[in-house]
Amino acid sequence: MAKVRVGFIGAGRIADLHALAYRDSPSGELYAVADASPGRAEERVRQWGAKQAYESYEDLLADPKVDAVEVLLPHHLHLPATVAALRAGKHVSLQKPMALSVGEADQMVAAAKKARRIFRVLENFHHYEPHMRAKSIIDSGEIGDPVSIRIKVVGGTPVGGWTVWKESQTWRADPAKGGPPGQLFDAGHHHAAMGYYFFGEFDRVHAFADLRKASGRYLGGSPAMITWQHRPVASSSVPRYGCWQVTSSPDMQVRTRYYSGEDLLEITGTKGIVWVNRCTADLLGAPPVTVYRDGRVTHHSDVETDWGDSFRGGGQAFTSAIAEGKSSASLTGAEGRHILATLFAVIQSATERREVSVAEVERRS
């Protein structure tokens, strides 16, 4: 079976992780790279072993050999690039968060429907093996009926890690390009998406958050404390709740291969608890997944803990879906839209100091 030929639209820092999906992929190959910075596309083609380099993504989209694209651009460019790719007949994987408004998200979903192509929003946390193991444990009934999820995010001073390019920091600090405060929107997409991954759609949220502009190396929106209720699910009569805490601790050292923040999870059920003890960094040095049930503690260490590997899994899931003729891949456009609306509900709640219904934001598009 021929491999799906993929083009990257954007070759910035995060593209290094997306490229991992195409090193030994059984279903896809990185064929082309487009980036507006002079010389960057050619450099990346040599680095990654791709075949074609373009400064214009329009030229990449005109290449008939490109089957699909990964859109890896600043947030304000997601809409035009995604719609253009779908109109060109390409399947699209879009970097999170989906758009700068729910209305923009609606335009993308409509373009995908018209093009009859796969359009998905990549949430690499959904392809991180400790998260996947925790979900399989929960789905097996090991902790009973899930009741609550607690997400703790803490940032500090990196010990190790990689360099974030200055240009990436610059556009993220501009609300017209990067959107609302990053801890609640850019990085925040990961955490809302985890609530969705484990418990489904959100109903209503309440947030306390510092909404001032980003300072130094930290994204704006911290500290924050967000709580929510999920919409009911047919499989359970137990209400499901969640909380999401964001803290910046600049004098705390964080061991990491990537960013200087850590993301920790605790999911409590009627019979037990699951903890995911590491993600982007390695703050605790503990086994990646721990389960408490019937007075016993079980550690799960037989999973891949390299956060970068989640991009490999996510990219290969995209090309596999195309190769197998599937009609969609996770996150679907509708799922990405719902998470986007939830993030805007969080920001509205923190701004207006009141509980906000996610449906209120979804209807406002």
Protein backbone atom coordinates (compact mmCIF):
# COMPACT_ATOMS: atom_id res chain seq x y z
CA MET A 1 0.00 0.00 0.00
CA ALA A 2 1.37 3.41 -0.99
CA LYS A 3 2.16 5.75 1.88
CA VAL A 4 0.20 8.96 2.40
CA ARG A 5 2.36 11.88 1.25
CA VAL A 6 2.20 14.68 3.82
CA GLY A 7 3.22 18.32 3.58
CA PHE A 8 4.04 20.54 6.54
CA ILE A 9 2.64 24.05 6.39
CA GLY A 10 4.95 25.77 8.86
CA ALA A 11 8.35 24.50 10.01
CA GLY A 12 8.84 26.22 13.36
CA ARG A 13 9.99 24.70 16.65
CA ILE A 14 7.01 22.43 17.25
CA ALA A 15 7.48 20.90 13.79
CA ASP A 16 10.51 19.01 15.15
CA LEU A 17 8.10 16.90 17.20
CA HIS A 18 5.58 16.44 14.41
CA ALA A 19 8.38 15.18 12.17
CA LEU A 20 8.89 12.22 14.52
CA ALA A 21 5.73 10.64 13.09
CA TYR A 22 7.36 10.14 9.70
CA ARG A 23 10.71 8.55 10.58
CA ASP A 24 9.51 4.95 10.31
CA SER A 25 5.81 5.32 9.65
CA PRO A 26 4.06 2.38 7.99
CA SER A 27 1.33 4.66 6.60
CA GLY A 28 2.81 8.09 5.84
CA GLU A 29 5.86 9.96 4.60
CA LEU A 30 6.90 13.59 4.98
CA TYR A 31 7.02 14.66 1.35
CA ALA A 32 7.04 18.49 1.36
CA VAL A 33 7.66 21.45 3.65
CA ALA A 34 6.44 25.04 3.26
CA ASP A 35 7.64 27.95 5.39
CA ALA A 36 7.67 31.68 4.64
CA SER A 37 11.05 32.26 6.33
CA PRO A 38 13.69 32.37 3.56
CA GLY A 39 15.72 29.18 3.44
CA ARG A 40 13.95 27.42 6.29
CA ALA A 41 11.93 25.00 4.16
CA GLU A 42 15.07 23.90 2.29
CA GLU A 43 16.92 23.41 5.57
CA ARG A 44 14.09 21.35 7.03
CA VAL A 45 13.80 19.21 3.89
CA ARG A 46 17.47 18.30 4.25
CA GLN A 47 17.09 17.70 7.99
CA TRP A 48 14.01 15.48 7.72
CA GLY A 49 14.67 13.78 4.39
CA ALA A 50 11.63 15.25 2.63
CA LYS A 51 11.55 15.84 -1.14
CA GLN A 52 10.08 19.29 -1.85
CA ALA A 53 10.53 22.74 -0.30
CA TYR A 54 8.23 25.74 -0.76
CA GLU A 55 8.19 29.27 0.67
CA SER A 56 4.47 29.56 -0.12
CA TYR A 57 1.94 27.10 1.25
CA GLU A 58 -0.22 27.89 -1.78
CA ASP A 59 2.53 26.35 -3.95
CA LEU A 60 2.62 23.29 -1.69
CA LEU A 61 -1.15 22.92 -1.99
CA ALA A 62 -0.85 23.08 -5.79
CA ASP A 63 1.47 20.04 -5.75
CA PRO A 64 -0.67 17.07 -6.86
CA LYS A 65 1.63 14.62 -5.07
CA VAL A 66 0.68 16.01 -1.65
CA ASP A 67 -2.21 13.99 -0.20
CA ALA A 68 -2.49 15.64 3.21
CA VAL A 69 -1.06 18.49 5.25
CA GLU A 70 -0.22 19.29 8.82
CA VAL A 71 -0.97 22.96 9.53
CA LEU A 72 1.66 24.10 12.05
CA LEU A 73 1.22 27.88 11.88
CA PRO A 74 0.52 30.58 14.48
CA HIS A 75 -3.10 30.49 15.59
CA HIS A 76 -4.29 33.49 13.56
CA LEU A 77 -3.25 31.74 10.34
CA HIS A 78 -5.10 28.49 11.01
CA LEU A 79 -8.31 29.52 9.26
CA PRO A 80 -6.97 30.62 5.85
CA ALA A 81 -4.45 27.78 5.57
CA THR A 82 -6.94 25.10 6.64
CA VAL A 83 -9.72 26.26 4.34
CA ALA A 84 -7.28 26.59 1.41
CA ALA A 85 -5.96 23.07 2.02
CA LEU A 86 -9.43 21.56 2.14
CA ARG A 87 -10.46 23.39 -1.02
CA ALA A 88 -7.33 21.96 -2.67
CA GLY A 89 -8.58 18.48 -1.80
CA LYS A 90 -6.04 17.73 0.93
CA HIS A 91 -6.73 15.98 4.22
CA VAL A 92 -5.85 18.27 7.12
CA SER A 93 -4.35 17.80 10.57
CA LEU A 94 -4.42 21.11 12.43
CA GLN A 95 -2.28 22.14 15.37
CA LYS A 96 -4.23 23.14 18.49
CA PRO A 97 -6.00 25.33 19.48
CA MET A 98 -8.28 25.16 16.48
CA ALA A 99 -9.03 28.86 15.88
CA LEU A 100 -9.36 32.31 17.41
CA SER A 101 -13.16 32.11 17.53
CA VAL A 102 -15.95 29.55 17.37
CA GLY A 103 -17.07 31.24 14.16
CA GLU A 104 -13.71 30.48 12.55
CA ALA A 105 -14.03 26.87 13.68
CA ASP A 106 -17.43 26.67 12.01
CA GLN A 107 -15.90 27.80 8.71
CA MET A 108 -13.32 25.03 8.89
CA VAL A 109 -15.90 22.37 9.70
CA ALA A 110 -18.06 23.53 6.79
CA ALA A 111 -15.09 23.48 4.40
CA ALA A 112 -14.21 19.92 5.48
CA LYS A 113 -17.78 18.75 4.96
CA LYS A 114 -17.85 20.24 1.48
CA ALA A 115 -14.43 18.80 0.57
CA ARG A 116 -15.25 15.34 1.99
CA ARG A 117 -11.77 15.11 3.44
CA ILE A 118 -10.54 14.20 6.92
CA PHE A 119 -10.12 17.26 9.09
CA ARG A 120 -8.83 16.75 12.59
CA VAL A 121 -7.35 18.87 15.36
CA LEU A 122 -4.30 17.15 16.82
CA GLU A 123 -4.29 16.80 20.60
CA ASN A 124 -1.05 14.96 21.26
CA PHE A 125 -1.98 14.43 24.95
CA HIS A 126 -4.57 11.94 23.67
CA HIS A 127 -1.71 9.90 22.21
CA TYR A 128 0.56 10.02 25.26
CA GLU A 129 0.88 6.43 26.49
CA PRO A 130 0.39 7.07 30.24
CA HIS A 131 -2.87 8.90 29.42
CA MET A 132 -3.94 6.05 27.15
CA ARG A 133 -3.12 3.49 29.84
CA ALA A 134 -5.10 5.45 32.43
CA LYS A 135 -8.09 5.59 30.09
CA SER A 136 -7.97 1.86 29.43
CA ILE A 137 -7.90 1.22 33.19
CA ILE A 138 -10.92 3.47 33.69
CA ASP A 139 -12.81 2.00 30.72
CA SER A 140 -12.22 -1.51 32.13
CA GLY A 141 -14.14 -0.55 35.29
CA GLU A 142 -11.11 -0.86 37.57
CA ILE A 143 -11.99 2.29 39.56
CA GLY A 144 -15.75 1.93 39.21
CA ASP A 145 -17.87 4.80 37.96
CA PRO A 146 -15.65 7.86 37.26
CA VAL A 147 -16.69 10.80 39.44
CA SER A 148 -14.06 13.54 39.23
CA ILE A 149 -10.87 14.60 37.49
CA ARG A 150 -8.18 16.89 38.88
CA ILE A 151 -5.62 18.45 36.56
CA LYS A 152 -2.62 20.22 38.09
CA VAL A 153 -0.31 22.30 35.92
CA VAL A 154 2.84 23.84 37.37
CA GLY A 155 5.64 25.72 35.64
CA GLY A 156 9.11 26.50 36.92
CA THR A 157 12.71 26.92 35.83
CA PRO A 158 13.77 24.14 33.44
CA VAL A 159 16.58 21.75 34.25
CA GLY A 160 17.39 20.54 30.76
CA GLY A 161 14.72 21.01 28.12
CA TRP A 162 14.84 22.61 24.73
CA THR A 163 15.08 26.18 23.49
CA VAL A 164 11.83 27.87 22.50
CA TRP A 165 12.47 30.12 19.50
CA LYS A 166 12.05 33.85 20.13
CA GLU A 167 9.66 34.20 17.20
CA SER A 168 7.36 31.63 18.82
CA GLN A 169 7.30 33.62 22.05
CA THR A 170 6.66 36.88 20.16
CA TRP A 171 3.54 35.88 18.26
CA ARG A 172 2.07 34.07 21.26
CA ALA A 173 2.36 37.27 23.30
CA ASP A 174 0.28 39.18 20.71
CA PRO A 175 -3.46 38.58 21.37
CA ALA A 176 -4.26 39.26 17.71
CA LYS A 177 -2.07 36.30 16.73
CA GLY A 178 -1.94 34.05 19.76
CA GLY A 179 -5.38 34.65 21.21
CA PRO A 180 -6.29 34.90 24.94
CA PRO A 181 -3.81 34.24 27.78
CA GLY A 182 -1.78 31.18 26.86
CA GLN A 183 -2.18 29.09 30.00
CA LEU A 184 -5.93 29.16 29.44
CA PHE A 185 -5.92 28.92 25.64
CA ASP A 186 -2.75 27.68 23.96
CA ALA A 187 -1.32 25.39 26.64
CA GLY A 188 -4.82 25.29 28.11
CA HIS A 189 -6.13 23.31 25.14
CA HIS A 190 -4.21 20.28 26.42
CA HIS A 191 -5.94 20.40 29.78
CA ALA A 192 -9.48 21.01 28.56
CA ALA A 193 -8.89 18.24 26.03
CA MET A 194 -7.90 15.89 28.85
CA GLY A 195 -11.13 16.61 30.68
CA TYR A 196 -12.95 15.79 27.46
CA TYR A 197 -10.85 12.65 26.83
CA PHE A 198 -11.77 11.08 30.15
CA PHE A 199 -15.25 12.48 30.88
CA GLY A 200 -16.78 13.79 27.65
CA GLU A 201 -18.43 17.11 26.88
CA PHE A 202 -18.45 20.07 29.25
CA ASP A 203 -21.65 21.60 30.57
CA ARG A 204 -20.68 24.65 32.65
CA VAL A 205 -17.51 26.18 34.04
CA HIS A 206 -16.40 28.59 36.75
CA ALA A 207 -12.95 30.16 36.75
CA PHE A 208 -10.70 32.35 38.85
CA ALA A 209 -7.64 33.45 36.85
CA ASP A 210 -5.02 36.16 36.50
CA LEU A 211 -5.73 37.44 33.00
CA ARG A 212 -2.86 39.88 32.79
CA LYS A 213 -0.48 39.77 29.85
CA ALA A 214 2.30 37.21 29.81
CA SER A 215 5.44 38.16 31.71
CA GLY A 216 8.92 36.90 30.88
CA ARG A 217 8.96 33.22 29.90
CA TYR A 218 5.52 32.47 31.38
CA LEU A 219 2.29 32.38 29.46
CA GLY A 220 -0.48 34.64 30.75
CA GLY A 221 -3.40 33.17 32.68
CA SER A 222 -1.57 31.96 35.78
CA PRO A 223 -2.39 31.43 38.56
CA ALA A 224 -5.82 30.00 37.82
CA MET A 225 -8.37 27.70 39.38
CA ILE A 226 -11.11 26.36 37.14
CA THR A 227 -13.96 24.01 38.02
CA TRP A 228 -16.58 22.46 35.78
CA GLN A 229 -19.41 19.97 35.40
CA HIS A 230 -19.60 17.57 32.47
CA ARG A 231 -22.73 16.87 30.49
CA PRO A 232 -24.52 13.65 31.51
CA VAL A 233 -23.61 10.43 29.73
CA ALA A 234 -25.99 7.55 29.06
CA SER A 235 -23.67 4.99 30.66
CA SER A 236 -23.73 6.58 34.13
CA SER A 237 -26.13 8.33 36.49
CA VAL A 238 -23.24 9.74 38.55
CA PRO A 239 -22.56 13.49 38.01
CA ARG A 240 -19.01 14.12 36.79
CA TYR A 241 -16.97 17.11 37.89
CA GLY A 242 -13.47 18.44 37.28
CA CYS A 243 -10.97 21.02 38.41
CA TRP A 244 -7.92 22.47 36.69
CA GLN A 245 -5.25 24.33 38.63
CA VAL A 246 -2.50 26.40 36.97
CA THR A 247 0.48 27.71 38.95
CA SER A 248 3.79 29.33 38.00
CA SER A 249 6.60 28.75 40.49
CA PRO A 250 9.63 30.53 38.99
CA ASP A 251 12.03 29.51 41.75
CA MET A 252 11.21 25.80 41.44
CA GLN A 253 13.45 23.66 39.24
CA VAL A 254 11.67 21.30 36.84
CA ARG A 255 13.45 18.34 35.26
CA THR A 256 12.45 18.20 31.62
CA ARG A 257 13.41 17.28 28.08
CA TYR A 258 10.91 19.75 26.67
CA TYR A 259 9.01 22.62 28.34
CA SER A 260 9.41 23.83 31.91
CA GLY A 261 5.90 22.85 32.97
CA GLU A 262 4.42 19.62 34.28
CA ASP A 263 0.90 18.24 33.89
CA LEU A 264 -0.43 15.84 36.54
CA LEU A 265 -3.77 13.99 36.58
CA GLU A 266 -5.93 12.37 39.21
CA ILE A 267 -9.16 10.58 38.25
CA THR A 268 -11.36 9.36 41.09
CA GLY A 269 -14.06 6.75 40.72
CA THR A 270 -16.53 5.05 43.03
CA LYS A 271 -14.05 2.19 43.67
CA GLY A 272 -10.60 3.70 43.29
CA ILE A 273 -8.24 6.34 41.92
CA VAL A 274 -5.88 6.61 38.93
CA TRP A 275 -2.94 9.00 38.94
CA VAL A 276 -0.83 10.00 35.93
CA ASN A 277 2.39 11.21 37.51
CA ARG A 278 4.24 12.73 34.58
CA CYS A 279 3.80 14.21 31.11
CA THR A 280 5.79 17.06 29.56
CA ALA A 281 8.45 16.99 32.31
CA ASP A 282 9.48 14.64 35.14
CA LEU A 283 8.66 16.54 38.32
CA LEU A 284 7.99 13.59 40.63
CA GLY A 285 10.27 10.86 39.34
CA ALA A 286 7.45 8.42 40.15
CA PRO A 287 6.01 5.56 38.08
CA PRO A 288 4.00 7.12 35.24
CA VAL A 289 0.64 5.59 36.23
CA THR A 290 -0.54 4.55 39.70
CA VAL A 291 -3.83 2.89 40.65
CA TYR A 292 -5.45 2.60 44.09
CA ARG A 293 -8.16 -0.06 44.45
CA ASP A 294 -9.33 -2.22 47.39
CA GLY A 295 -6.58 -1.04 49.69
CA ARG A 296 -3.84 -1.88 47.18
CA VAL A 297 -1.54 0.39 45.17
CA THR A 298 -0.41 -0.78 41.71
CA HIS A 299 2.26 1.03 39.70
CA HIS A 300 2.38 0.85 35.91
CA SER A 301 5.89 1.45 34.57
CA ASP A 302 5.68 -0.52 31.31
CA VAL A 303 4.65 2.46 29.17
CA GLU A 304 6.56 4.93 26.99
CA THR A 305 6.99 8.17 28.95
CA ASP A 306 8.75 10.35 26.36
CA TRP A 307 6.28 13.16 25.71
CA GLY A 308 7.65 13.55 22.20
CA ASP A 309 6.43 10.07 21.39
CA SER A 310 2.84 11.35 21.63
CA PHE A 311 3.44 13.35 18.45
CA ARG A 312 4.67 10.21 16.70
CA GLY A 313 1.52 8.37 17.71
CA GLY A 314 -0.73 11.27 16.81
CA GLY A 315 0.79 11.74 13.37
CA GLN A 316 0.64 8.06 12.54
CA ALA A 317 -3.00 7.90 13.64
CA PHE A 318 -3.75 10.63 11.07
CA THR A 319 -2.07 8.93 8.11
CA SER A 320 -3.45 5.53 9.13
CA ALA A 321 -6.98 6.93 9.07
CA ILE A 322 -6.40 8.26 5.55
CA ALA A 323 -4.77 5.05 4.32
CA GLU A 324 -7.60 2.94 5.73
CA GLY A 325 -10.28 5.10 4.12
CA LYS A 326 -11.82 6.31 7.38
CA SER A 327 -14.12 9.32 7.34
CA SER A 328 -12.62 11.05 10.39
CA ALA A 329 -9.83 11.07 12.94
CA SER A 330 -9.66 12.39 16.50
CA LEU A 331 -10.14 15.13 17.40
CA THR A 332 -12.86 15.70 14.82
CA GLY A 333 -13.69 19.24 13.82
CA ALA A 334 -16.82 19.12 16.00
CA GLU A 335 -14.81 17.90 19.00
CA GLY A 336 -12.18 20.58 18.47
CA ARG A 337 -14.94 23.18 18.27
CA HIS A 338 -16.43 22.03 21.58
CA ILE A 339 -13.05 22.22 23.36
CA LEU A 340 -12.47 25.67 21.84
CA ALA A 341 -15.87 26.85 23.12
CA THR A 342 -14.99 25.47 26.57
CA LEU A 343 -11.77 27.49 26.64
CA PHE A 344 -13.68 30.65 25.74
CA ALA A 345 -16.21 29.85 28.47
CA VAL A 346 -13.34 29.60 30.98
CA ILE A 347 -11.97 32.98 29.93
CA GLN A 348 -15.43 34.57 29.98
CA SER A 349 -16.05 33.18 33.46
CA ALA A 350 -12.76 34.57 34.78
CA THR A 351 -13.49 37.95 33.16
CA GLU A 352 -17.11 38.29 34.26
CA ARG A 353 -16.68 36.46 37.59
CA ARG A 354 -19.63 34.15 37.05
CA GLU A 355 -20.48 30.61 36.02
CA VAL A 356 -20.73 30.23 32.25
CA SER A 357 -22.55 27.59 30.24
CA VAL A 358 -20.48 26.14 27.40
CA ALA A 359 -23.64 25.92 25.30
CA GLU A 360 -23.96 29.71 25.69
CA VAL A 361 -20.62 30.13 23.95
CA GLU A 362 -21.33 27.46 21.32
CA ARG A 363 -24.55 29.23 20.31
CA ARG A 364 -22.80 32.58 19.99
CA SER A 365 -20.86 31.63 16.89
